[in-house]
Amino acid sequence: EIYKIELKEENGVITISFYGEGFLRFMVRMLTQTMIEVGKGRLTTEEVKVLLERKEKNSAPYNATGSGLYLMEVGYEPYKA
């Protein structure tokens, strides 16, 4: 389950933070590239909604490269908003 996705821009650098309990392999890469596609106008938010409602990993054909993606923190306490 993903609890929160946070986007920040500072000095031309975009940071996307994912908060959740467990992630599938390549899940963050797929979500990140999907958001990039929306930002570039190649995908609408309605199309993203359809992809998410399918709840199938192979529904999203987008997959960001690992370049620039970092695991910053792992916590074991329950998530608090």
Protein backbone atom coordinates (compact mmCIF):
# COMPACT_ATOMS: atom_id res chain seq x y z
CA GLU A 1 0.00 0.00 0.00
CA ILE A 2 1.24 3.47 -0.87
CA TYR A 3 0.28 6.09 1.69
CA LYS A 4 1.67 9.18 0.03
CA ILE A 5 3.59 10.41 -3.03
CA GLU A 6 5.26 13.78 -2.60
CA LEU A 7 6.72 15.91 -5.41
CA LYS A 8 9.02 18.83 -4.70
CA GLU A 9 10.99 21.14 -6.98
CA GLU A 10 13.95 23.09 -5.68
CA ASN A 11 16.56 24.86 -7.81
CA GLY A 12 15.52 22.93 -10.90
CA VAL A 13 15.73 19.53 -9.17
CA ILE A 14 12.55 17.49 -8.84
CA THR A 15 12.33 15.10 -5.91
CA ILE A 16 9.62 12.45 -5.74
CA SER A 17 9.17 10.66 -2.43
CA PHE A 18 7.10 7.49 -2.06
CA TYR A 19 5.77 6.47 1.34
CA GLY A 20 4.24 3.04 1.74
CA GLU A 21 4.29 -0.40 3.20
CA GLY A 22 6.05 -2.70 0.79
CA PHE A 23 6.71 -2.11 -2.89
CA LEU A 24 6.67 -4.45 -5.85
CA ARG A 25 9.75 -4.83 -7.99
CA PHE A 26 10.04 -1.84 -10.35
CA MET A 27 6.92 -0.25 -8.80
CA VAL A 28 8.62 3.07 -8.05
CA ARG A 29 10.19 3.15 -11.51
CA MET A 30 6.83 2.53 -13.19
CA LEU A 31 5.05 5.17 -11.12
CA THR A 32 7.84 7.68 -11.66
CA GLN A 33 7.91 7.25 -15.43
CA THR A 34 4.11 7.38 -15.58
CA MET A 35 4.22 10.77 -13.81
CA ILE A 36 6.90 11.94 -16.26
CA GLU A 37 4.66 10.92 -19.18
CA VAL A 38 1.79 12.95 -17.71
CA GLY A 39 4.10 15.93 -17.22
CA LYS A 40 5.19 15.75 -20.86
CA GLY A 41 1.57 15.61 -22.01
CA ARG A 42 1.84 12.11 -23.46
CA LEU A 43 -0.58 10.61 -20.94
CA THR A 44 -3.66 12.05 -19.26
CA THR A 45 -4.60 11.72 -15.60
CA GLU A 46 -7.69 9.82 -16.72
CA GLU A 47 -5.48 7.28 -18.50
CA VAL A 48 -3.42 6.93 -15.31
CA LYS A 49 -6.59 6.29 -13.34
CA VAL A 50 -7.52 3.48 -15.74
CA LEU A 51 -4.03 1.93 -15.36
CA LEU A 52 -4.24 2.06 -11.56
CA GLU A 53 -7.75 0.60 -11.46
CA ARG A 54 -6.56 -2.46 -13.41
CA LYS A 55 -4.33 -3.41 -10.46
CA GLU A 56 -2.06 -5.38 -12.79
CA LYS A 57 1.67 -4.79 -12.86
CA ASN A 58 1.89 -5.25 -16.62
CA SER A 59 -0.76 -2.57 -17.31
CA ALA A 60 1.80 0.24 -17.11
CA PRO A 61 4.26 0.05 -20.01
CA TYR A 62 6.39 2.84 -18.53
CA ASN A 63 9.57 2.13 -16.59
CA ALA A 64 12.09 4.81 -15.58
CA THR A 65 15.76 3.93 -15.57
CA GLY A 66 17.42 3.48 -12.21
CA SER A 67 19.60 6.52 -12.86
CA GLY A 68 18.84 9.17 -10.26
CA LEU A 69 16.62 6.94 -8.13
CA TYR A 70 17.77 6.44 -4.55
CA LEU A 71 16.47 4.58 -1.54
CA MET A 72 16.75 7.25 1.11
CA GLU A 73 15.24 5.68 4.20
CA VAL A 74 13.61 2.53 5.49
CA GLY A 75 11.48 2.69 8.62
CA TYR A 76 9.85 0.00 10.68
CA GLU A 77 7.40 2.10 12.69
CA PRO A 78 3.82 2.55 11.43
CA TYR A 79 3.46 5.41 8.96
CA LYS A 80 2.25 8.70 10.44
CA ALA A 81 1.06 11.42 8.07
